[in-house]
Protein backbone atom coordinates (compact mmCIF):
# COMPACT_ATOMS: atom_id res chain seq x y z
CA UNK A 1 11.44 9.96 -1.11
CA UNK A 2 8.01 10.04 0.51
CA UNK A 3 5.38 7.67 -0.94
CA UNK A 4 1.88 6.74 0.04
CA UNK A 5 0.84 3.16 0.80
CA UNK A 6 -2.41 1.56 1.88
CA UNK A 7 -2.56 0.10 5.34
CA UNK A 8 -5.12 -2.10 7.05
CA UNK A 9 -5.56 -1.95 10.79
CA UNK A 10 -2.98 0.90 10.99
CA UNK A 11 -1.19 1.19 14.33
CA UNK A 12 -2.45 -2.22 15.67
CA UNK A 13 -0.66 -5.55 16.06
CA UNK A 14 -2.63 -6.71 13.07
CA UNK A 15 -1.39 -4.01 10.71
CA UNK A 16 -0.93 -4.97 7.08
CA UNK A 17 0.07 -3.29 3.87
CA UNK A 18 -1.86 -3.60 0.64
CA UNK A 19 -0.07 -5.80 -1.92
CA UNK A 20 -0.91 -7.70 -4.99
CA UNK A 21 -0.09 -11.45 -5.34
CA UNK A 22 1.13 -12.25 -8.85
CA UNK A 23 2.54 -15.77 -9.09
CA UNK A 24 4.97 -16.18 -6.29
CA UNK A 25 5.47 -12.38 -5.91
CA UNK A 26 3.88 -10.05 -3.45
CA UNK A 27 3.93 -6.54 -4.95
CA UNK A 28 3.40 -3.58 -2.70
CA UNK A 29 1.79 -0.62 -4.38
CA UNK A 30 3.33 2.77 -3.65
CA UNK A 31 1.80 6.04 -4.85
CA UNK A 32 3.77 9.23 -5.43
CA UNK A 33 0.53 11.25 -5.15
CA UNK A 34 -1.68 11.10 -2.06
CA UNK A 35 -4.86 11.78 -4.20
CA UNK A 36 -4.03 8.75 -6.31
CA UNK A 37 -3.71 6.59 -3.18
CA UNK A 38 -6.98 7.86 -1.87
CA UNK A 39 -8.76 7.01 -5.15
CA UNK A 40 -7.33 3.59 -5.26
CA UNK A 41 -8.41 3.02 -1.62
CA UNK A 42 -11.92 4.11 -2.60
CA UNK A 43 -11.92 1.69 -5.52
CA UNK A 44 -11.00 -1.16 -3.16
CA UNK A 45 -13.75 -0.21 -0.74
CA UNK A 46 -16.29 -0.09 -3.60
CA UNK A 47 -15.28 -3.66 -4.38
CA UNK A 48 -16.12 -4.71 -0.83
CA UNK A 49 -12.58 -4.79 0.50
CA UNK A 50 -11.89 -3.57 3.97
CA UNK A 51 -11.27 0.28 3.78
CA UNK A 52 -7.53 0.93 4.05
CA UNK A 53 -5.97 4.05 5.34
CA UNK A 54 -3.56 5.99 3.25
CA UNK A 55 -0.27 6.56 4.99
CA UNK A 56 2.83 8.51 4.06
CA UNK A 57 6.13 6.57 4.43
CA UNK A 58 9.67 6.87 3.22
CA UNK A 59 10.24 4.58 0.26
CA UNK A 60 13.42 3.31 1.92
CA UNK A 61 11.27 1.94 4.81
CA UNK A 62 9.13 -0.01 2.34
CA UNK A 63 12.25 -1.32 0.66
CA UNK A 64 13.33 -2.89 3.96
CA UNK A 65 10.33 -5.18 3.95
CA UNK A 66 11.37 -8.74 3.10
CA UNK A 67 10.69 -10.55 -0.22
CA UNK A 68 8.68 -7.88 -1.92
CA UNK A 69 8.79 -6.32 -5.36
CA UNK A 70 7.98 -2.67 -5.35
CA UNK A 71 5.76 -0.84 -7.74
CA UNK A 72 5.43 2.99 -7.76
CA UNK A 73 2.33 4.52 -9.32
CA UNK A 74 2.12 8.12 -10.30
């Protein structure tokens, strides 16, 4: 299943994925709808975060990332 994630410095050696730290957990946000991901990215930018890019990725690829709890948003 294709989902949308927020990436920083996409395509570079310093690439990172947007996540939330809650306690000891890092939670990666995944969006089912590209428009929702774009809106969330704009909200982050409005709060003076670095502007992330919205990238489509297979959910299975995200699930391979170590020690993350996944959250889909629709």
